[in-house]
Amino acid sequence: MLPAELRQRDGVVPGQEFDVERLGPGVYRLARAGQPENSGLVDWLLSCPEKDWFVPVPSESTAELKNPGIGGQ
């Protein structure tokens, strides 16, 4: 657990994720984990002002796809 003084100074909030690197016996480096590339994407999509603007797209299984250039299919 990080001491309260450090959490307050650096704005650490509950649930925040960190990367931990072991530098040596009993010595560790703690760094805030970067946000995933798609962070906030769902909120952005749901904020679309037009209802039903996004529609489901049928998907295909890769097993149904054929590529004559691979494996002689």
Foldseek 3Di string as FASTA:
>chain_A
DDDPVVCVVVVPDPPFDWDWDDPDVVDIDTGGDDDPPCVCVVVVVVVPPDPPPDDDDDDDDVVPDDDCVPPND
